[in-house]
Amino acid sequence: MQLESRRQILRIMQENPKIEITAHRYPGYVGQIRCVTMSDKEGFYSAVDGQPEHELSRRHRGKGSYTYIGNSRYLKLDGDNCTVYSRTRDPEGKELLLAFRIIDDR
């Protein structure tokens, strides 16, 4: 699926798709499959697919880990891959937070 804008990503996240982590600040998360559990105007929550007891899945009262993508300054879209850079740890937006691709299994 070709990703073209922040708005498109947020719209897709409302459908609660699965995503694959393709890069991450913590290398142990690379390759992880997550289910988007909830989204809002600035980002989305995701839990580890099929692992409700996983540390990430239990965050935010069971909604999972939150990914902020509210400002396109901190995004890089490359085909079907979306890279999100840290807005709090690096004001210049150059420090990798995570990268993911949407798994289109509809």
C-alpha atoms as a PDB file:
ATOM      1  CA  MET A   1       0.000   0.000   0.000  1.00  0.00           C
ATOM      2  CA  GLN A   2       1.484   3.316  -1.090  1.00  0.00           C
ATOM      3  CA  LEU A   3       1.553   5.830   1.775  1.00  0.00           C
ATOM      4  CA  GLU A   4       1.256   9.412   0.601  1.00  0.00           C
ATOM      5  CA  SER A   5       0.285  11.635   3.536  1.00  0.00           C
ATOM      6  CA  ARG A   6      -0.110  11.900   7.283  1.00  0.00           C
ATOM      7  CA  ARG A   7      -3.857  12.306   6.819  1.00  0.00           C
ATOM      8  CA  GLN A   8      -4.059   9.067   4.820  1.00  0.00           C
ATOM      9  CA  ILE A   9      -2.163   7.169   7.534  1.00  0.00           C
ATOM     10  CA  LEU A  10      -4.460   8.445  10.287  1.00  0.00           C
ATOM     11  CA  ARG A  11      -7.529   7.525   8.211  1.00  0.00           C
ATOM     12  CA  ILE A  12      -6.210   3.984   7.684  1.00  0.00           C
ATOM     13  CA  MET A  13      -5.437   3.645  11.395  1.00  0.00           C
ATOM     14  CA  GLN A  14      -9.127   4.209  12.182  1.00  0.00           C
ATOM     15  CA  GLU A  15      -9.772   0.811  10.563  1.00  0.00           C
ATOM     16  CA  ASN A  16      -7.496  -0.868  13.178  1.00  0.00           C
ATOM     17  CA  PRO A  17      -5.097  -2.580  10.741  1.00  0.00           C
ATOM     18  CA  LYS A  18      -2.099  -4.718  11.569  1.00  0.00           C
ATOM     19  CA  ILE A  19       1.328  -3.162  11.168  1.00  0.00           C
ATOM     20  CA  GLU A  20       4.807  -4.634  10.957  1.00  0.00           C
ATOM     21  CA  ILE A  21       7.639  -2.816  12.720  1.00  0.00           C
ATOM     22  CA  THR A  22      10.444  -2.481  10.146  1.00  0.00           C
ATOM     23  CA  ALA A  23      12.846  -0.373  12.257  1.00  0.00           C
ATOM     24  CA  HIS A  24      12.812   0.747  15.878  1.00  0.00           C
ATOM     25  CA  ARG A  25      14.854   2.687  18.400  1.00  0.00           C
ATOM     26  CA  TYR A  26      14.972  -0.608  20.333  1.00  0.00           C
ATOM     27  CA  PRO A  27      16.138  -3.271  17.834  1.00  0.00           C
ATOM     28  CA  GLY A  28      14.329  -6.085  19.679  1.00  0.00           C
ATOM     29  CA  TYR A  29      10.987  -4.744  18.405  1.00  0.00           C
ATOM     30  CA  VAL A  30      11.926  -5.012  14.710  1.00  0.00           C
ATOM     31  CA  GLY A  31       9.759  -7.611  12.949  1.00  0.00           C
ATOM     32  CA  GLN A  32       7.009  -7.361  15.552  1.00  0.00           C
ATOM     33  CA  ILE A  33       3.426  -7.508  14.260  1.00  0.00           C
ATOM     34  CA  ARG A  34       1.048  -5.173  16.065  1.00  0.00           C
ATOM     35  CA  CYS A  35      -2.682  -4.536  15.905  1.00  0.00           C
ATOM     36  CA  VAL A  36      -3.842  -0.934  15.981  1.00  0.00           C
ATOM     37  CA  THR A  37      -6.359  -0.793  18.824  1.00  0.00           C
ATOM     38  CA  MET A  38      -7.380   2.855  18.686  1.00  0.00           C
ATOM     39  CA  SER A  39      -6.484   6.073  16.881  1.00  0.00           C
ATOM     40  CA  ASP A  40      -7.032   9.783  17.313  1.00  0.00           C
ATOM     41  CA  LYS A  41      -6.198  12.973  15.398  1.00  0.00           C
ATOM     42  CA  GLU A  42      -2.496  12.773  16.222  1.00  0.00           C
ATOM     43  CA  GLY A  43      -1.531   9.124  16.418  1.00  0.00           C
ATOM     44  CA  PHE A  44      -2.524   5.602  17.329  1.00  0.00           C
ATOM     45  CA  TYR A  45      -2.274   2.874  19.966  1.00  0.00           C
ATOM     46  CA  SER A  46      -0.985  -0.567  19.012  1.00  0.00           C
ATOM     47  CA  ALA A  47      -0.690  -3.865  20.860  1.00  0.00           C
ATOM     48  CA  VAL A  48       1.433  -6.902  20.037  1.00  0.00           C
ATOM     49  CA  ASP A  49      -0.669  -9.199  17.847  1.00  0.00           C
ATOM     50  CA  GLY A  50      -1.985 -12.197  19.769  1.00  0.00           C
ATOM     51  CA  GLN A  51      -0.116 -11.278  22.969  1.00  0.00           C
ATOM     52  CA  PRO A  52      -2.459  -9.379  25.302  1.00  0.00           C
ATOM     53  CA  GLU A  53      -0.118  -9.949  28.269  1.00  0.00           C
ATOM     54  CA  HIS A  54       2.924  -8.483  26.503  1.00  0.00           C
ATOM     55  CA  GLU A  55       4.391  -5.416  28.227  1.00  0.00           C
ATOM     56  CA  LEU A  56       3.561  -3.191  25.223  1.00  0.00           C
ATOM     57  CA  SER A  57       0.017  -4.538  24.930  1.00  0.00           C
ATOM     58  CA  ARG A  58      -0.762  -3.720  28.570  1.00  0.00           C
ATOM     59  CA  ARG A  59       0.275  -0.066  28.342  1.00  0.00           C
ATOM     60  CA  HIS A  60      -2.361   2.661  28.559  1.00  0.00           C
ATOM     61  CA  ARG A  61      -4.900   0.369  30.248  1.00  0.00           C
ATOM     62  CA  GLY A  62      -4.712  -2.273  27.541  1.00  0.00           C
ATOM     63  CA  LYS A  63      -4.747   0.014  24.497  1.00  0.00           C
ATOM     64  CA  GLY A  64      -1.048  -0.624  23.877  1.00  0.00           C
ATOM     65  CA  SER A  65       1.860   1.615  23.009  1.00  0.00           C
ATOM     66  CA  TYR A  66       1.085   5.103  21.644  1.00  0.00           C
ATOM     67  CA  THR A  67       2.723   6.404  18.470  1.00  0.00           C
ATOM     68  CA  TYR A  68       2.455  10.152  17.851  1.00  0.00           C
ATOM     69  CA  ILE A  69       2.393  11.181  14.195  1.00  0.00           C
ATOM     70  CA  GLY A  70       0.713  14.551  14.626  1.00  0.00           C
ATOM     71  CA  ASN A  71       3.266  16.603  12.716  1.00  0.00           C
ATOM     72  CA  SER A  72       4.452  15.660   9.236  1.00  0.00           C
ATOM     73  CA  ARG A  73       7.813  17.220  10.079  1.00  0.00           C
ATOM     74  CA  TYR A  74       8.579  14.042  12.012  1.00  0.00           C
ATOM     75  CA  LEU A  75       7.502  11.623   9.265  1.00  0.00           C
ATOM     76  CA  LYS A  76       9.198  10.133   6.252  1.00  0.00           C
ATOM     77  CA  LEU A  77       7.002   8.273   3.771  1.00  0.00           C
ATOM     78  CA  ASP A  78       8.740   5.889   1.405  1.00  0.00           C
ATOM     79  CA  GLY A  79       6.411   3.697  -0.620  1.00  0.00           C
ATOM     80  CA  ASP A  80       4.641   1.434   1.864  1.00  0.00           C
ATOM     81  CA  ASN A  81       6.953   2.327   4.753  1.00  0.00           C
ATOM     82  CA  CYS A  82       6.363   5.124   7.278  1.00  0.00           C
ATOM     83  CA  THR A  83       9.240   6.282   9.469  1.00  0.00           C
ATOM     84  CA  VAL A  84       8.460   8.288  12.602  1.00  0.00           C
ATOM     85  CA  TYR A  85      11.131  10.392  14.267  1.00  0.00           C
ATOM     86  CA  SER A  86      11.191  11.442  17.915  1.00  0.00           C
ATOM     87  CA  ARG A  87       9.745  14.885  18.597  1.00  0.00           C
ATOM     88  CA  THR A  88      10.681  14.969  22.272  1.00  0.00           C
ATOM     89  CA  ARG A  89      14.175  13.513  22.297  1.00  0.00           C
ATOM     90  CA  ASP A  90      15.393  15.424  19.223  1.00  0.00           C
ATOM     91  CA  PRO A  91      13.757  18.754  18.309  1.00  0.00           C
ATOM     92  CA  GLU A  92      15.362  18.543  14.866  1.00  0.00           C
ATOM     93  CA  GLY A  93      13.379  15.365  14.202  1.00  0.00           C
ATOM     94  CA  LYS A  94      16.306  13.191  13.170  1.00  0.00           C
ATOM     95  CA  GLU A  95      16.253  10.508  15.864  1.00  0.00           C
ATOM     96  CA  LEU A  96      14.438   7.345  14.805  1.00  0.00           C
ATOM     97  CA  LEU A  97      11.475   6.327  16.913  1.00  0.00           C
ATOM     98  CA  LEU A  98      10.091   3.571  14.687  1.00  0.00           C
ATOM     99  CA  ALA A  99       9.237   2.625  11.129  1.00  0.00           C
ATOM    100  CA  PHE A 100       6.318   0.461  10.083  1.00  0.00           C
ATOM    101  CA  ARG A 101       4.362  -0.803   7.149  1.00  0.00           C
ATOM    102  CA  ILE A 102       0.649  -1.503   7.094  1.00  0.00           C
ATOM    103  CA  ILE A 103      -0.238  -5.123   6.497  1.00  0.00           C
ATOM    104  CA  ASP A 104      -3.142  -5.084   4.080  1.00  0.00           C
ATOM    105  CA  ASP A 105      -4.938  -8.370   4.733  1.00  0.00           C
ATOM    106  CA  ARG A 106      -8.431  -7.270   3.740  1.00  0.00           C
END
